[in-house]
Amino acid sequence: MRPKTLLAKVVVGPALAFALAASGCATSTVRTAAPAPPAPPAEPAMWVVRDADSTIYLFGTVHVMKPGTVWKTPRVQAALTSAEELVLEIEEVDDPNAMAPVIQRYGLDLTRPLSSRLTEAERAKLGKAAAAMGANAAAFEPMRPWLVSLQLVVGSLMKAGYDPNMGVDRLLKAAAVQSGQKVTAFETVEQQMRFFAELPPEVEMELFRQSLEDFDEGAAVFDPLADGWARGDLSVLERYLVTEWKAEAPDLYRVLIVQRNQDWARQIEARLKGKGVSFIAVGAGHLVGPDSVQRQLEARGIRSARY
């Protein structure tokens, strides 16, 4: 049986799904669980890249957390405080106005209802998932399969007690704005949306089918991964986010991880030609395994070290 890890991959891959939730596109009205008791201080993984006049911190994030999660350790806070610039995947993680027109362009198909692409069994399963999210399957009819996939991921995790408003990216941006820190990003909303919108049709449908199959697996899939992330356990992250993903969905892995990591390494190399301190926060899936940002930097002659 295929490992049920699509949820995990999306939650630590592109930030788009949870920016969509902020935009009001998500149909879920599921109540999140009560805050969990505070855990012992965590130590999520972080790396540093330095040259004579530049310091760049690389911090792996999750785009959704349970209330009460402890993650901003003194080490992380010190790195943040020293930085002049916060770099995210997309800057608009909390901006619904930036999302709406791009969703209209890339996420809807008014000529082909979603139900026309599905089997009878899939329609029934989608109806059940929609009901669990406090919605109606009819709300998905004008959406493309990839967009519905992300809605299902968000809904599944909310059902399991995770809060999309508590993604590390959003919390970091809010703090940066409050302190007057510069905020930039590797990608635009349109770029991230096109990663999904331009998937081959068969890959897009596989993404939808996996998200539908995984809908009831939110806690079982993400709880161990969230724990591994909080402890900085790279073996857990790599197993879930690299080894299994490459075996299950190599085309999706190449588009959402490998190609983007290569581009980000190029952007980091350009940053090193300047000076100052930057704090880069991207999905943890980009910072583990043989195709990680750090490995792409190494290919360019740039060394990084666990911090």
Protein backbone atom coordinates (compact mmCIF):
# COMPACT_ATOMS: atom_id res chain seq x y z
CA MET A 1 0.00 0.00 0.00
CA ARG A 2 1.21 3.50 -0.83
CA PRO A 3 2.49 5.42 2.21
CA LYS A 4 0.04 8.16 3.12
CA THR A 5 2.38 11.13 3.05
CA LEU A 6 0.91 13.63 0.58
CA LEU A 7 -0.43 15.70 3.46
CA ALA A 8 3.00 15.89 5.01
CA LYS A 9 4.66 16.88 1.76
CA VAL A 10 2.32 19.75 1.05
CA VAL A 11 2.46 21.05 4.60
CA VAL A 12 6.23 21.45 4.46
CA GLY A 13 6.44 22.14 0.74
CA PRO A 14 4.80 25.10 -1.03
CA ALA A 15 3.20 27.70 1.24
CA LEU A 16 0.42 28.18 -1.27
CA ALA A 17 -2.17 25.89 0.32
CA PHE A 18 -2.20 27.88 3.53
CA ALA A 19 -2.09 31.23 1.80
CA LEU A 20 -5.21 30.04 -0.01
CA ALA A 21 -6.80 29.31 3.34
CA ALA A 22 -6.09 32.90 4.37
CA SER A 23 -7.65 34.16 1.14
CA GLY A 24 -11.01 32.64 2.00
CA CYS A 25 -10.77 30.11 -0.83
CA ALA A 26 -10.74 27.20 1.60
CA THR A 27 -14.25 25.93 2.19
CA SER A 28 -13.52 24.32 5.53
CA THR A 29 -15.37 25.48 8.61
CA VAL A 30 -14.00 22.74 10.86
CA ARG A 31 -13.14 23.94 14.34
CA THR A 32 -9.57 23.38 15.37
CA ALA A 33 -8.74 21.55 18.58
CA ALA A 34 -8.11 23.26 21.87
CA PRO A 35 -4.51 24.33 22.48
CA ALA A 36 -2.24 21.47 23.41
CA PRO A 37 -0.27 21.72 26.65
CA PRO A 38 3.05 23.48 25.98
CA ALA A 39 5.75 21.01 25.00
CA PRO A 40 9.36 21.25 26.14
CA PRO A 41 11.33 23.80 24.12
CA ALA A 42 11.86 22.49 20.61
CA GLU A 43 14.89 22.95 18.40
CA PRO A 44 13.83 22.92 14.73
CA ALA A 45 16.71 22.51 12.28
CA MET A 46 18.58 25.58 11.08
CA TRP A 47 21.70 26.11 8.99
CA VAL A 48 24.00 29.04 8.31
CA VAL A 49 25.91 30.19 5.23
CA ARG A 50 28.65 32.79 5.65
CA ASP A 51 31.23 34.69 3.68
CA ALA A 52 33.38 37.70 4.59
CA ASP A 53 30.50 40.15 4.88
CA SER A 54 27.28 38.10 4.69
CA THR A 55 25.42 35.72 7.00
CA ILE A 56 22.39 33.78 5.78
CA TYR A 57 20.35 31.56 8.08
CA LEU A 58 18.28 28.74 6.54
CA PHE A 59 15.30 27.72 8.67
CA GLY A 60 12.90 24.91 7.79
CA THR A 61 9.26 25.68 8.54
CA VAL A 62 5.90 23.99 8.69
CA HIS A 63 3.00 25.95 7.21
CA VAL A 64 0.52 24.82 9.87
CA MET A 65 0.80 24.03 13.60
CA LYS A 66 -1.32 23.05 16.55
CA PRO A 67 -2.00 25.81 19.07
CA GLY A 68 0.54 25.71 21.86
CA THR A 69 3.42 24.43 19.73
CA VAL A 70 6.75 25.71 21.04
CA TRP A 71 9.29 26.38 18.29
CA LYS A 72 10.95 29.81 18.64
CA THR A 73 13.93 28.87 20.77
CA PRO A 74 16.55 31.36 21.98
CA ARG A 75 18.81 30.23 19.12
CA VAL A 76 16.12 30.91 16.51
CA GLN A 77 15.17 34.22 18.12
CA ALA A 78 18.79 35.37 18.21
CA ALA A 79 19.20 34.63 14.50
CA LEU A 80 15.97 36.45 13.72
CA THR A 81 16.92 39.47 15.77
CA SER A 82 20.29 39.76 14.04
CA ALA A 83 18.75 39.67 10.55
CA GLU A 84 18.01 42.77 8.51
CA GLU A 85 15.82 40.84 6.10
CA LEU A 86 13.30 37.99 6.31
CA VAL A 87 13.02 35.90 3.14
CA LEU A 88 9.94 33.68 2.65
CA GLU A 89 8.71 31.45 -0.16
CA ILE A 90 5.99 33.97 -1.00
CA GLU A 91 5.49 37.31 0.67
CA GLU A 92 1.68 37.22 0.48
CA VAL A 93 1.12 34.35 2.93
CA ASP A 94 -1.53 36.46 4.67
CA ASP A 95 -2.86 38.66 1.84
CA PRO A 96 -6.25 37.60 0.40
CA ASN A 97 -6.27 40.50 -2.05
CA ALA A 98 -3.16 39.11 -3.74
CA MET A 99 -4.71 35.66 -4.02
CA ALA A 100 -8.15 36.28 -5.53
CA PRO A 101 -7.22 37.33 -9.09
CA VAL A 102 -4.60 34.61 -9.43
CA ILE A 103 -7.06 31.96 -8.23
CA GLN A 104 -9.52 33.19 -10.86
CA ARG A 105 -6.88 32.80 -13.56
CA TYR A 106 -5.28 29.49 -12.65
CA GLY A 107 -7.55 27.68 -10.21
CA LEU A 108 -10.95 27.67 -11.89
CA ASP A 109 -12.32 25.90 -14.96
CA LEU A 110 -15.86 27.05 -15.71
CA THR A 111 -16.09 24.88 -18.82
CA ARG A 112 -15.57 21.53 -17.11
CA PRO A 113 -17.17 20.82 -13.71
CA LEU A 114 -14.99 18.86 -11.33
CA SER A 115 -17.59 16.06 -11.04
CA SER A 116 -17.25 15.34 -14.77
CA ARG A 117 -13.65 14.24 -14.16
CA LEU A 118 -14.51 11.84 -11.32
CA THR A 119 -15.79 8.32 -10.96
CA GLU A 120 -18.98 7.69 -9.03
CA ALA A 121 -16.93 6.41 -6.09
CA GLU A 122 -14.75 9.53 -6.11
CA ARG A 123 -17.81 11.80 -6.20
CA ALA A 124 -19.22 9.99 -3.19
CA LYS A 125 -15.95 10.22 -1.29
CA LEU A 126 -15.59 13.92 -2.11
CA GLY A 127 -19.12 14.56 -0.85
CA LYS A 128 -18.27 12.86 2.43
CA ALA A 129 -15.06 14.89 2.79
CA ALA A 130 -16.89 18.12 2.00
CA ALA A 131 -19.49 17.36 4.66
CA ALA A 132 -16.73 16.73 7.20
CA MET A 133 -15.36 20.18 6.32
CA GLY A 134 -18.76 21.81 6.86
CA ALA A 135 -19.15 22.41 3.13
CA ASN A 136 -20.96 21.03 0.10
CA ALA A 137 -19.27 19.24 -2.78
CA ALA A 138 -20.99 21.67 -5.15
CA ALA A 139 -18.59 24.37 -3.90
CA PHE A 140 -15.77 22.47 -5.61
CA GLU A 141 -17.46 22.20 -9.02
CA PRO A 142 -15.76 25.22 -10.69
CA MET A 143 -12.34 24.41 -9.20
CA ARG A 144 -9.54 22.62 -10.97
CA PRO A 145 -8.45 19.34 -9.36
CA TRP A 146 -5.15 20.74 -8.04
CA LEU A 147 -6.99 23.53 -6.20
CA VAL A 148 -9.46 21.10 -4.64
CA SER A 149 -6.47 18.99 -3.56
CA LEU A 150 -5.08 21.87 -1.52
CA GLN A 151 -8.51 22.57 0.00
CA LEU A 152 -8.72 18.94 1.09
CA VAL A 153 -5.25 19.08 2.62
CA VAL A 154 -6.16 22.17 4.65
CA GLY A 155 -9.49 20.69 5.71
CA SER A 156 -7.92 17.39 6.75
CA LEU A 157 -5.34 19.09 8.93
CA MET A 158 -7.88 21.43 10.51
CA LYS A 159 -9.98 18.37 11.35
CA ALA A 160 -6.89 16.93 13.05
CA GLY A 161 -6.45 20.04 15.20
CA TYR A 162 -3.93 22.03 13.13
CA ASP A 163 -4.45 25.74 12.55
CA PRO A 164 -3.50 27.25 9.16
CA ASN A 165 -3.37 30.65 10.84
CA MET A 166 -0.45 29.39 12.92
CA GLY A 167 1.96 28.59 10.11
CA VAL A 168 5.53 29.54 10.97
CA ASP A 169 5.73 31.66 7.81
CA ARG A 170 2.81 33.83 8.91
CA LEU A 171 4.08 34.22 12.44
CA LEU A 172 7.53 35.21 11.21
CA LYS A 173 6.09 37.74 8.80
CA ALA A 174 3.83 39.28 11.44
CA ALA A 175 6.78 39.71 13.79
CA ALA A 176 8.95 41.15 11.01
CA VAL A 177 6.33 43.69 10.01
CA GLN A 178 5.85 44.71 13.63
CA SER A 179 9.58 45.24 14.13
CA GLY A 180 10.10 47.05 10.83
CA GLN A 181 12.22 44.26 9.36
CA LYS A 182 12.37 44.04 5.56
CA VAL A 183 10.35 41.14 4.09
CA THR A 184 11.11 39.66 0.67
CA ALA A 185 10.42 36.33 -1.05
CA PHE A 186 11.90 33.82 -3.47
CA GLU A 187 8.70 33.49 -5.50
CA THR A 188 5.46 35.28 -6.36
CA VAL A 189 1.97 33.96 -5.73
CA GLU A 190 1.55 33.48 -9.47
CA GLN A 191 4.74 31.42 -9.71
CA GLN A 192 3.65 29.08 -6.92
CA MET A 193 0.17 28.71 -8.38
CA ARG A 194 1.58 27.91 -11.79
CA PHE A 195 3.66 25.07 -10.32
CA PHE A 196 0.33 23.32 -9.73
CA ALA A 197 -1.67 24.74 -12.64
CA GLU A 198 0.91 23.60 -15.21
CA LEU A 199 1.20 20.03 -13.96
CA PRO A 200 0.48 17.43 -16.65
CA PRO A 201 -3.23 16.49 -16.44
CA GLU A 202 -2.50 12.96 -15.24
CA VAL A 203 -0.22 14.27 -12.46
CA GLU A 204 -2.83 16.83 -11.42
CA MET A 205 -5.48 14.11 -11.14
CA GLU A 206 -3.11 11.88 -9.17
CA LEU A 207 -2.55 14.77 -6.75
CA PHE A 208 -6.31 15.10 -6.35
CA ARG A 209 -6.85 11.37 -5.85
CA GLN A 210 -4.11 11.14 -3.25
CA SER A 211 -5.45 14.10 -1.31
CA LEU A 212 -8.93 12.60 -1.37
CA GLU A 213 -7.63 9.21 -0.24
CA ASP A 214 -5.55 10.82 2.53
CA PHE A 215 -8.34 13.08 3.84
CA ASP A 216 -8.99 11.05 7.00
CA GLU A 217 -5.28 10.60 7.73
CA GLY A 218 -4.35 14.10 8.93
CA ALA A 219 -3.33 13.27 12.49
CA ALA A 220 -1.81 9.88 11.69
CA VAL A 221 0.36 11.38 8.95
CA PHE A 222 1.32 14.74 10.31
CA ASP A 223 1.65 14.23 14.07
CA PRO A 224 4.92 12.23 13.80
CA LEU A 225 6.27 14.60 11.18
CA ALA A 226 5.42 17.68 13.26
CA ASP A 227 7.19 16.08 16.21
CA GLY A 228 10.25 15.30 14.08
CA TRP A 229 10.30 18.86 12.75
CA ALA A 230 10.13 20.34 16.25
CA ARG A 231 13.03 18.16 17.40
CA GLY A 232 15.12 18.87 14.30
CA ASP A 233 15.18 15.15 13.45
CA LEU A 234 16.45 15.14 9.88
CA SER A 235 16.07 11.38 9.48
CA VAL A 236 12.31 11.66 10.05
CA LEU A 237 12.00 14.61 7.67
CA GLU A 238 14.02 12.93 4.95
CA ARG A 239 12.09 9.67 5.18
CA TYR A 240 8.71 11.36 4.85
CA LEU A 241 9.62 14.18 2.53
CA VAL A 242 12.30 12.83 0.22
CA THR A 243 12.65 9.06 0.11
CA GLU A 244 8.95 8.25 -0.07
CA TRP A 245 8.02 11.24 -2.21
CA LYS A 246 10.64 10.49 -4.87
CA ALA A 247 9.40 6.90 -5.03
CA GLU A 248 5.67 7.77 -5.08
CA ALA A 249 5.49 10.86 -7.26
CA PRO A 250 8.82 11.67 -8.94
CA ASP A 251 7.33 14.20 -11.38
CA LEU A 252 5.68 16.17 -8.59
CA TYR A 253 8.84 15.98 -6.49
CA ARG A 254 10.93 17.33 -9.37
CA VAL A 255 8.58 20.29 -9.94
CA LEU A 256 7.86 21.23 -6.34
CA ILE A 257 11.24 20.47 -4.76
CA VAL A 258 14.20 19.96 -7.08
CA GLN A 259 13.63 22.74 -9.60
CA ARG A 260 12.72 25.27 -6.93
CA ASN A 261 15.72 24.37 -4.77
CA GLN A 262 17.99 24.95 -7.74
CA ASP A 263 16.47 28.38 -8.32
CA TRP A 264 16.67 29.32 -4.65
CA ALA A 265 20.34 28.31 -4.49
CA ARG A 266 20.97 30.66 -7.40
CA GLN A 267 19.20 33.47 -5.54
CA ILE A 268 21.16 32.78 -2.35
CA GLU A 269 24.43 32.88 -4.30
CA ALA A 270 23.43 36.31 -5.60
CA ARG A 271 22.64 37.47 -2.07
CA LEU A 272 26.10 36.45 -0.92
CA LYS A 273 27.56 38.96 -3.36
CA GLY A 274 26.05 41.68 -1.19
CA LYS A 275 26.43 42.03 2.56
CA GLY A 276 24.41 41.83 5.74
CA VAL A 277 22.33 39.23 7.58
CA SER A 278 19.30 37.45 6.13
CA PHE A 279 16.93 34.91 7.70
CA ILE A 280 15.46 32.55 5.09
CA ALA A 281 12.39 30.54 6.13
CA VAL A 282 11.07 27.90 3.70
CA GLY A 283 9.23 24.60 4.01
CA ALA A 284 11.37 22.05 5.82
CA GLY A 285 11.08 19.67 2.88
CA HIS A 286 13.42 21.93 0.93
CA LEU A 287 16.26 21.60 3.43
CA VAL A 288 16.70 17.83 3.69
CA GLY A 289 17.92 15.10 1.39
CA PRO A 290 20.20 14.86 -1.64
CA ASP A 291 18.34 17.57 -3.59
CA SER A 292 18.16 20.09 -0.74
CA VAL A 293 18.96 23.77 -1.02
CA GLN A 294 22.20 23.08 0.87
CA ARG A 295 23.24 20.43 -1.68
CA GLN A 296 22.43 22.82 -4.52
CA LEU A 297 24.58 25.46 -2.83
CA GLU A 298 27.38 22.93 -2.41
CA ALA A 299 27.27 22.29 -6.17
CA ARG A 300 27.97 26.01 -6.57
CA GLY A 301 30.93 25.86 -4.18
CA ILE A 302 29.01 27.35 -1.24
CA ARG A 303 29.21 25.56 2.11
CA SER A 304 26.53 25.53 4.79
CA ALA A 305 26.69 24.26 8.36
CA ARG A 306 24.06 23.13 10.87
CA TYR A 307 23.61 26.00 13.29
